C-alpha atoms as a PDB file:
ATOM      1  CA  UNK A   1      79.377  88.940  55.534  1.00  0.00           C
ATOM      2  CA  UNK A   2      80.294  92.522  53.969  1.00  0.00           C
ATOM      3  CA  UNK A   3      77.444  94.160  52.171  1.00  0.00           C
ATOM      4  CA  UNK A   4      78.708  97.076  49.843  1.00  0.00           C
ATOM      5  CA  UNK A   5      76.424 100.190  49.979  1.00  0.00           C
ATOM      6  CA  UNK A   6      75.905 103.409  48.961  1.00  0.00           C
ATOM      7  CA  UNK A   7      74.428 106.531  50.074  1.00  0.00           C
ATOM      8  CA  UNK A   8      72.773 108.769  48.029  1.00  0.00           C
ATOM      9  CA  UNK A   9      72.397 111.400  50.361  1.00  0.00           C
ATOM     10  CA  UNK A  10      75.371 112.714  53.052  1.00  0.00           C
ATOM     11  CA  UNK A  11      73.046 113.070  56.084  1.00  0.00           C
ATOM     12  CA  UNK A  12      71.403 109.657  55.308  1.00  0.00           C
ATOM     13  CA  UNK A  13      72.231 106.831  58.209  1.00  0.00           C
ATOM     14  CA  UNK A  14      73.389 103.691  57.765  1.00  0.00           C
ATOM     15  CA  UNK A  15      70.812 100.729  58.165  1.00  0.00           C
ATOM     16  CA  UNK A  16      72.577  99.077  61.630  1.00  0.00           C
ATOM     17  CA  UNK A  17      71.136  96.428  63.776  1.00  0.00           C
ATOM     18  CA  UNK A  18      69.482  97.414  67.085  1.00  0.00           C
ATOM     19  CA  UNK A  19      70.541  94.640  69.239  1.00  0.00           C
ATOM     20  CA  UNK A  20      73.026  91.844  69.366  1.00  0.00           C
ATOM     21  CA  UNK A  21      70.188  89.326  68.360  1.00  0.00           C
ATOM     22  CA  UNK A  22      68.783  91.308  65.604  1.00  0.00           C
ATOM     23  CA  UNK A  23      67.841  89.293  62.653  1.00  0.00           C
ATOM     24  CA  UNK A  24      66.588  92.576  60.799  1.00  0.00           C
ATOM     25  CA  UNK A  25      68.360  95.919  60.981  1.00  0.00           C
ATOM     26  CA  UNK A  26      66.365  99.273  60.686  1.00  0.00           C
ATOM     27  CA  UNK A  27      66.032 101.270  57.537  1.00  0.00           C
ATOM     28  CA  UNK A  28      65.141 104.787  57.801  1.00  0.00           C
ATOM     29  CA  UNK A  29      63.347 107.685  55.938  1.00  0.00           C
ATOM     30  CA  UNK A  30      66.138 109.592  54.168  1.00  0.00           C
ATOM     31  CA  UNK A  31      64.102 113.369  54.446  1.00  0.00           C
ATOM     32  CA  UNK A  32      60.739 114.678  55.990  1.00  0.00           C
ATOM     33  CA  UNK A  33      57.380 113.481  53.957  1.00  0.00           C
ATOM     34  CA  UNK A  34      54.102 113.432  55.212  1.00  0.00           C
ATOM     35  CA  UNK A  35      51.807 110.444  54.519  1.00  0.00           C
ATOM     36  CA  UNK A  36      48.245 111.561  53.611  1.00  0.00           C
ATOM     37  CA  UNK A  37      45.587 109.526  54.890  1.00  0.00           C
ATOM     38  CA  UNK A  38      44.201 106.464  53.065  1.00  0.00           C
ATOM     39  CA  UNK A  39      47.109 107.010  50.550  1.00  0.00           C
ATOM     40  CA  UNK A  40      50.633 104.943  49.880  1.00  0.00           C
ATOM     41  CA  UNK A  41      53.600 107.208  49.965  1.00  0.00           C
ATOM     42  CA  UNK A  42      57.028 106.289  48.754  1.00  0.00           C
ATOM     43  CA  UNK A  43      59.408 106.940  50.815  1.00  0.00           C
ATOM     44  CA  UNK A  44      63.427 107.193  50.336  1.00  0.00           C
ATOM     45  CA  UNK A  45      65.723 105.930  52.179  1.00  0.00           C
ATOM     46  CA  UNK A  46      68.996 107.345  50.563  1.00  0.00           C
ATOM     47  CA  UNK A  47      70.705 103.846  50.102  1.00  0.00           C
ATOM     48  CA  UNK A  48      71.504 101.823  47.513  1.00  0.00           C
ATOM     49  CA  UNK A  49      73.067  97.967  48.638  1.00  0.00           C
ATOM     50  CA  UNK A  50      74.466  95.344  46.488  1.00  0.00           C
ATOM     51  CA  UNK A  51      72.964  92.471  47.667  1.00  0.00           C
ATOM     52  CA  UNK A  52      75.299  88.821  47.997  1.00  0.00           C
ATOM     53  CA  UNK A  53      75.125  86.430  45.495  1.00  0.00           C
ATOM     54  CA  UNK A  54      72.348  83.883  46.661  1.00  0.00           C
ATOM     55  CA  UNK A  55      70.423  85.919  48.985  1.00  0.00           C
ATOM     56  CA  UNK A  56      67.629  88.971  49.000  1.00  0.00           C
ATOM     57  CA  UNK A  57      66.739  91.383  50.939  1.00  0.00           C
ATOM     58  CA  UNK A  58      63.377  91.332  52.237  1.00  0.00           C
ATOM     59  CA  UNK A  59      61.946  94.645  53.785  1.00  0.00           C
ATOM     60  CA  UNK A  60      59.241  94.168  56.377  1.00  0.00           C
ATOM     61  CA  UNK A  61      57.201  96.850  58.651  1.00  0.00           C
ATOM     62  CA  UNK A  62      58.863  97.297  62.421  1.00  0.00           C
ATOM     63  CA  UNK A  63      56.611  96.066  64.792  1.00  0.00           C
ATOM     64  CA  UNK A  64      56.233  99.313  65.778  1.00  0.00           C
ATOM     65  CA  UNK A  65      55.345 101.407  62.493  1.00  0.00           C
ATOM     66  CA  UNK A  66      51.724 100.125  62.417  1.00  0.00           C
ATOM     67  CA  UNK A  67      50.883 100.606  65.997  1.00  0.00           C
ATOM     68  CA  UNK A  68      52.903 103.851  66.717  1.00  0.00           C
ATOM     69  CA  UNK A  69      52.382 105.699  63.602  1.00  0.00           C
ATOM     70  CA  UNK A  70      49.515 103.577  61.255  1.00  0.00           C
ATOM     71  CA  UNK A  71      51.235 102.608  58.811  1.00  0.00           C
ATOM     72  CA  UNK A  72      51.714  99.616  57.171  1.00  0.00           C
ATOM     73  CA  UNK A  73      54.188  97.910  54.376  1.00  0.00           C
ATOM     74  CA  UNK A  74      51.255  98.997  51.102  1.00  0.00           C
ATOM     75  CA  UNK A  75      52.588  95.642  49.129  1.00  0.00           C
ATOM     76  CA  UNK A  76      53.224  93.457  52.403  1.00  0.00           C
ATOM     77  CA  UNK A  77      56.909  92.573  52.167  1.00  0.00           C
ATOM     78  CA  UNK A  78      59.255  94.046  49.586  1.00  0.00           C
ATOM     79  CA  UNK A  79      61.784  92.161  47.942  1.00  0.00           C
ATOM     80  CA  UNK A  80      64.988  93.680  47.016  1.00  0.00           C
ATOM     81  CA  UNK A  81      66.885  91.535  43.634  1.00  0.00           C
ATOM     82  CA  UNK A  82      70.425  91.142  43.810  1.00  0.00           C
ATOM     83  CA  UNK A  83      70.744  93.217  40.650  1.00  0.00           C
ATOM     84  CA  UNK A  84      68.891  96.240  41.929  1.00  0.00           C
ATOM     85  CA  UNK A  85      72.641  98.069  42.666  1.00  0.00           C
ATOM     86  CA  UNK A  86      72.432 100.829  40.153  1.00  0.00           C
ATOM     87  CA  UNK A  87      73.783 104.160  40.071  1.00  0.00           C
ATOM     88  CA  UNK A  88      70.165 105.576  41.139  1.00  0.00           C
ATOM     89  CA  UNK A  89      68.644 102.079  42.189  1.00  0.00           C
ATOM     90  CA  UNK A  90      67.841 103.575  45.826  1.00  0.00           C
ATOM     91  CA  UNK A  91      65.716 101.449  48.052  1.00  0.00           C
ATOM     92  CA  UNK A  92      61.934 102.943  49.256  1.00  0.00           C
ATOM     93  CA  UNK A  93      59.782 101.871  51.161  1.00  0.00           C
ATOM     94  CA  UNK A  94      56.320 102.208  50.361  1.00  0.00           C
ATOM     95  CA  UNK A  95      53.506 102.984  53.665  1.00  0.00           C
ATOM     96  CA  UNK A  96      50.112 102.811  53.498  1.00  0.00           C
ATOM     97  CA  UNK A  97      48.544 105.121  55.751  1.00  0.00           C
ATOM     98  CA  UNK A  98      45.531 103.863  57.436  1.00  0.00           C
ATOM     99  CA  UNK A  99      44.514 106.660  59.363  1.00  0.00           C
ATOM    100  CA  UNK A 100      42.070 109.021  59.124  1.00  0.00           C
ATOM    101  CA  UNK A 101      44.636 111.987  59.849  1.00  0.00           C
ATOM    102  CA  UNK A 102      48.063 112.535  57.635  1.00  0.00           C
ATOM    103  CA  UNK A 103      50.977 111.049  59.326  1.00  0.00           C
ATOM    104  CA  UNK A 104      54.458 113.243  59.367  1.00  0.00           C
ATOM    105  CA  UNK A 105      57.951 111.531  59.343  1.00  0.00           C
ATOM    106  CA  UNK A 106      61.213 112.476  59.938  1.00  0.00           C
ATOM    107  CA  UNK A 107      64.585 112.204  58.630  1.00  0.00           C
ATOM    108  CA  UNK A 108      66.133 109.515  60.041  1.00  0.00           C
ATOM    109  CA  UNK A 109      62.735 107.701  61.783  1.00  0.00           C
ATOM    110  CA  UNK A 110      63.258 104.186  61.580  1.00  0.00           C
ATOM    111  CA  UNK A 111      60.492 102.387  59.395  1.00  0.00           C
ATOM    112  CA  UNK A 112      60.850  99.180  58.297  1.00  0.00           C
ATOM    113  CA  UNK A 113      63.606  95.796  59.008  1.00  0.00           C
ATOM    114  CA  UNK A 114      65.859  94.674  56.450  1.00  0.00           C
ATOM    115  CA  UNK A 115      66.697  90.609  56.517  1.00  0.00           C
ATOM    116  CA  UNK A 116      68.815  89.068  53.823  1.00  0.00           C
ATOM    117  CA  UNK A 117      67.597  85.600  53.126  1.00  0.00           C
ATOM    118  CA  UNK A 118      69.383  82.634  51.037  1.00  0.00           C
ATOM    119  CA  UNK A 119      67.439  81.540  47.917  1.00  0.00           C
ATOM    120  CA  UNK A 120      67.894  79.121  45.360  1.00  0.00           C
ATOM    121  CA  UNK A 121      67.717  79.865  41.565  1.00  0.00           C
ATOM    122  CA  UNK A 122      65.215  76.948  40.264  1.00  0.00           C
ATOM    123  CA  UNK A 123      64.996  75.704  36.815  1.00  0.00           C
ATOM    124  CA  UNK A 124      61.280  74.474  36.096  1.00  0.00           C
ATOM    125  CA  UNK A 125      60.233  71.060  34.581  1.00  0.00           C
ATOM    126  CA  UNK A 126      56.733  71.026  32.827  1.00  0.00           C
ATOM    127  CA  UNK A 127      55.076  67.593  32.985  1.00  0.00           C
ATOM    128  CA  UNK A 128      51.645  66.459  32.055  1.00  0.00           C
ATOM    129  CA  UNK A 129      50.437  65.667  35.248  1.00  0.00           C
ATOM    130  CA  UNK A 130      50.505  66.102  38.911  1.00  0.00           C
ATOM    131  CA  UNK A 131      50.453  62.856  40.347  1.00  0.00           C
ATOM    132  CA  UNK A 132      50.080  63.737  43.790  1.00  0.00           C
ATOM    133  CA  UNK A 133      46.637  63.406  45.631  1.00  0.00           C
ATOM    134  CA  UNK A 134      44.731  66.581  45.459  1.00  0.00           C
ATOM    135  CA  UNK A 135      44.113  68.430  49.200  1.00  0.00           C
ATOM    136  CA  UNK A 136      40.957  70.397  48.336  1.00  0.00           C
ATOM    137  CA  UNK A 137      41.768  73.746  48.017  1.00  0.00           C
ATOM    138  CA  UNK A 138      42.445  77.310  50.284  1.00  0.00           C
ATOM    139  CA  UNK A 139      42.030  76.245  54.434  1.00  0.00           C
ATOM    140  CA  UNK A 140      42.238  72.370  53.191  1.00  0.00           C
ATOM    141  CA  UNK A 141      43.642  71.355  56.393  1.00  0.00           C
ATOM    142  CA  UNK A 142      40.912  72.426  58.974  1.00  0.00           C
ATOM    143  CA  UNK A 143      42.475  75.773  60.084  1.00  0.00           C
END
């Protein structure tokens, strides 16, 4: 599948898969940043991407981002829609510094994974009554 991509800055790395079996490609910081303790930082990737029709782009933290840097994706998982691809729609990473110290990010530091996921657009049909048996709420399976 071909994906249209545009760099917002000349020195920005094009995302790439690091191994032949990787399902996620890496997003890197486009510029140096300091992530202050207990704060959310918006880190530019320098990339605008046209998400193919029938897909969404999911952005997750790399496994090493949390343990090695003390950063986590502030929104858990980022979702990039198919129509977020205009001339100023640069993809950013929202990270939360959960350490007591500032975390310094250099341009080119790989912080997140991008994964293309197929999606279906559904039509909702409202009903007056749900006929299945209720399960009892959160944790109802005993886990």
